[in-house]
Amino acid sequence: MDTNLSKYLQYSQNHINSGEIAQPDATGTSSVFSCGGHIKFTARITGNIISDIKFRASGCDYINAAAGYLTTLTKNRDILDSTLITEKDIEDYPGEFPEGKKHIPGMAIAAFQNLITDYISKPHAKNIYKKNNNRVAVALSGGIDSAMAARILKDEGMDLIGV
């Protein structure tokens, strides 16, 4: 059996990390109506580490594979470091998604980003991270302005987090 096919089947058929966390610290969803797909992530976050994450998905097996693998990539990882995961990272493990399914890794990333936004937007008893005057988050739109701002800050010695 093709190695990539067996990796895909491992996640699509076994529903790894499938389920829902009761009283989660954060929730994120995403849907693509053209294919009838939907992903919902729920997570437990302890000390800014995603200690547990699960998903519920509807649609094709590729959606289960993408959501399941993304939970594997993010479990036990710092919430801000996990924002660096890309669509390509999701495809690197099981292999490239077929032509009609290329939107699915993006749908999984969108649901996960919504989970992070949900967590960060909630009031917390203390700061999420300790103050670091040398660390800055830069909102990257994909345009030249935000990319140049990030480059200038990096050249100035700042520790960047791209969002």
Protein backbone atom coordinates (compact mmCIF):
# COMPACT_ATOMS: atom_id res chain seq x y z
CA MET A 1 0.00 0.00 0.00
CA ASP A 2 1.20 3.53 -0.81
CA THR A 3 2.71 5.07 2.35
CA ASN A 4 0.81 8.34 1.89
CA LEU A 5 -2.46 6.46 1.37
CA SER A 6 -1.93 4.49 4.59
CA LYS A 7 -1.21 7.74 6.49
CA TYR A 8 -4.36 9.29 5.04
CA LEU A 9 -6.42 6.21 5.95
CA GLN A 10 -5.00 6.23 9.50
CA TYR A 11 -6.55 9.65 10.11
CA SER A 12 -9.64 9.49 7.91
CA GLN A 13 -10.95 6.11 9.05
CA ASN A 14 -9.72 5.90 12.64
CA HIS A 15 -10.99 9.38 13.53
CA ILE A 16 -7.91 10.10 15.68
CA ASN A 17 -8.75 12.72 18.38
CA SER A 18 -12.40 12.71 17.32
CA GLY A 19 -14.88 13.81 19.96
CA GLU A 20 -15.70 16.87 21.98
CA ILE A 21 -14.24 18.21 25.23
CA ALA A 22 -16.84 19.02 27.86
CA GLN A 23 -16.53 22.61 29.11
CA PRO A 24 -13.63 23.50 26.79
CA ASP A 25 -11.39 26.51 27.30
CA ALA A 26 -11.80 27.35 23.62
CA THR A 27 -13.90 26.39 20.60
CA GLY A 28 -13.41 27.06 16.90
CA THR A 29 -15.47 26.18 13.85
CA SER A 30 -15.29 26.50 10.09
CA SER A 31 -17.59 25.43 7.27
CA VAL A 32 -17.41 25.27 3.50
CA PHE A 33 -20.94 25.19 2.17
CA SER A 34 -19.95 24.23 -1.38
CA CYS A 35 -18.80 20.80 -0.16
CA GLY A 36 -21.03 20.51 2.91
CA GLY A 37 -18.00 20.30 5.19
CA HIS A 38 -17.84 21.48 8.79
CA ILE A 39 -15.16 21.24 11.49
CA LYS A 40 -15.49 22.09 15.17
CA PHE A 41 -12.45 21.99 17.47
CA THR A 42 -12.68 22.05 21.27
CA ALA A 43 -9.59 22.37 23.45
CA ARG A 44 -8.35 22.34 27.00
CA ILE A 45 -5.53 24.87 27.43
CA THR A 46 -3.31 24.79 30.50
CA GLY A 47 -0.58 27.38 30.97
CA ASN A 48 -0.87 28.36 27.29
CA ILE A 49 -0.26 24.75 26.24
CA ILE A 50 -2.97 22.90 24.32
CA SER A 51 -3.17 19.96 26.71
CA ASP A 52 -6.06 18.31 24.87
CA ILE A 53 -7.84 18.99 21.59
CA LYS A 54 -10.63 17.14 19.83
CA PHE A 55 -12.72 17.63 16.74
CA ARG A 56 -16.14 16.92 15.31
CA ALA A 57 -16.42 16.97 11.54
CA SER A 58 -19.00 16.38 8.88
CA GLY A 59 -18.36 15.89 5.21
CA CYS A 60 -15.87 13.68 3.43
CA ASP A 61 -13.06 11.53 4.83
CA TYR A 62 -10.50 14.17 3.82
CA ILE A 63 -12.06 16.54 6.36
CA ASN A 64 -11.63 13.93 9.11
CA ALA A 65 -8.03 13.34 8.00
CA ALA A 66 -7.15 17.06 8.02
CA ALA A 67 -8.86 17.78 11.35
CA GLY A 68 -7.40 14.68 12.99
CA TYR A 69 -3.88 15.41 11.84
CA LEU A 70 -4.14 19.07 12.90
CA THR A 71 -5.11 17.95 16.42
CA THR A 72 -2.00 15.73 16.46
CA LEU A 73 0.18 18.67 15.38
CA THR A 74 -1.23 21.03 18.03
CA LYS A 75 -1.64 18.77 21.07
CA ASN A 76 0.87 19.62 23.83
CA ARG A 77 2.04 22.69 21.91
CA ASP A 78 2.10 26.36 22.94
CA ILE A 79 -0.95 28.19 21.58
CA LEU A 80 1.05 30.91 19.82
CA ASP A 81 3.60 28.48 18.38
CA SER A 82 0.71 26.43 17.02
CA THR A 83 -0.42 29.40 14.91
CA LEU A 84 2.64 28.77 12.73
CA ILE A 85 1.12 25.54 11.38
CA THR A 86 0.16 25.92 7.73
CA GLU A 87 -1.99 24.16 5.16
CA LYS A 88 1.22 22.71 3.73
CA ASP A 89 2.07 21.19 7.14
CA ILE A 90 -1.27 19.38 7.07
CA GLU A 91 -0.58 18.03 3.57
CA ASP A 92 3.03 17.05 4.28
CA TYR A 93 2.07 14.02 6.37
CA PRO A 94 -0.61 12.22 4.34
CA GLY A 95 0.41 13.76 1.01
CA GLU A 96 -1.21 16.25 -1.32
CA PHE A 97 -4.98 16.42 -1.28
CA PRO A 98 -6.76 15.73 -4.60
CA GLU A 99 -7.75 18.64 -6.83
CA GLY A 100 -11.35 18.91 -5.59
CA LYS A 101 -10.25 18.69 -1.94
CA LYS A 102 -7.45 21.29 -1.82
CA HIS A 103 -9.63 23.68 0.21
CA ILE A 104 -9.87 21.27 3.14
CA PRO A 105 -6.51 22.01 4.85
CA GLY A 106 -7.47 25.71 4.75
CA MET A 107 -10.83 24.94 6.33
CA ALA A 108 -9.07 23.06 9.16
CA ILE A 109 -6.62 25.93 9.69
CA ALA A 110 -9.51 28.45 9.76
CA ALA A 111 -11.37 26.44 12.42
CA PHE A 112 -8.18 26.18 14.49
CA GLN A 113 -7.47 29.92 14.16
CA ASN A 114 -11.02 30.58 15.36
CA LEU A 115 -10.27 28.39 18.40
CA ILE A 116 -7.14 30.46 19.19
CA THR A 117 -9.10 33.70 18.72
CA ASP A 118 -11.80 32.39 21.07
CA TYR A 119 -9.22 31.58 23.75
CA ILE A 120 -7.29 34.83 23.49
CA SER A 121 -10.45 36.97 23.47
CA LYS A 122 -11.69 35.58 26.79
CA PRO A 123 -10.95 37.43 30.01
CA HIS A 124 -8.24 35.69 31.98
CA ALA A 125 -7.33 36.14 35.63
CA LYS A 126 -3.78 37.01 34.61
CA ASN A 127 -1.94 37.83 31.42
CA ILE A 128 -1.72 34.99 28.95
CA TYR A 129 2.03 35.59 28.59
CA LYS A 130 4.52 37.40 30.76
CA LYS A 131 5.45 40.80 29.45
CA ASN A 132 8.41 40.75 27.09
CA ASN A 133 9.33 44.18 25.73
CA ASN A 134 11.31 42.51 22.94
CA ARG A 135 8.42 40.36 21.62
CA VAL A 136 5.79 41.70 19.27
CA ALA A 137 2.90 40.17 17.34
CA VAL A 138 2.51 41.33 13.75
CA ALA A 139 -0.75 40.89 11.85
CA LEU A 140 0.33 39.61 8.44
CA SER A 141 -2.23 40.25 5.73
CA GLY A 142 -0.15 38.88 2.88
CA GLY A 143 0.52 42.35 1.54
CA ILE A 144 3.79 44.24 1.29
CA ASP A 145 3.02 46.68 4.14
CA SER A 146 2.70 44.09 6.88
CA ALA A 147 5.60 42.05 5.47
CA MET A 148 7.86 45.11 5.49
CA ALA A 149 6.77 46.03 9.02
CA ALA A 150 7.71 42.51 10.15
CA ARG A 151 11.07 42.73 8.36
CA ILE A 152 11.91 46.10 9.93
CA LEU A 153 11.01 44.85 13.41
CA LYS A 154 13.05 41.66 12.87
CA ASP A 155 16.03 43.75 11.68
CA GLU A 156 15.66 45.83 14.87
CA GLY A 157 16.15 42.62 16.89
CA MET A 158 12.54 42.04 17.90
CA ASP A 159 11.20 38.54 18.62
CA LEU A 160 8.28 38.27 16.17
CA ILE A 161 5.09 36.29 16.25
CA GLY A 162 3.24 36.44 12.93
CA VAL A 163 -0.53 36.27 13.11
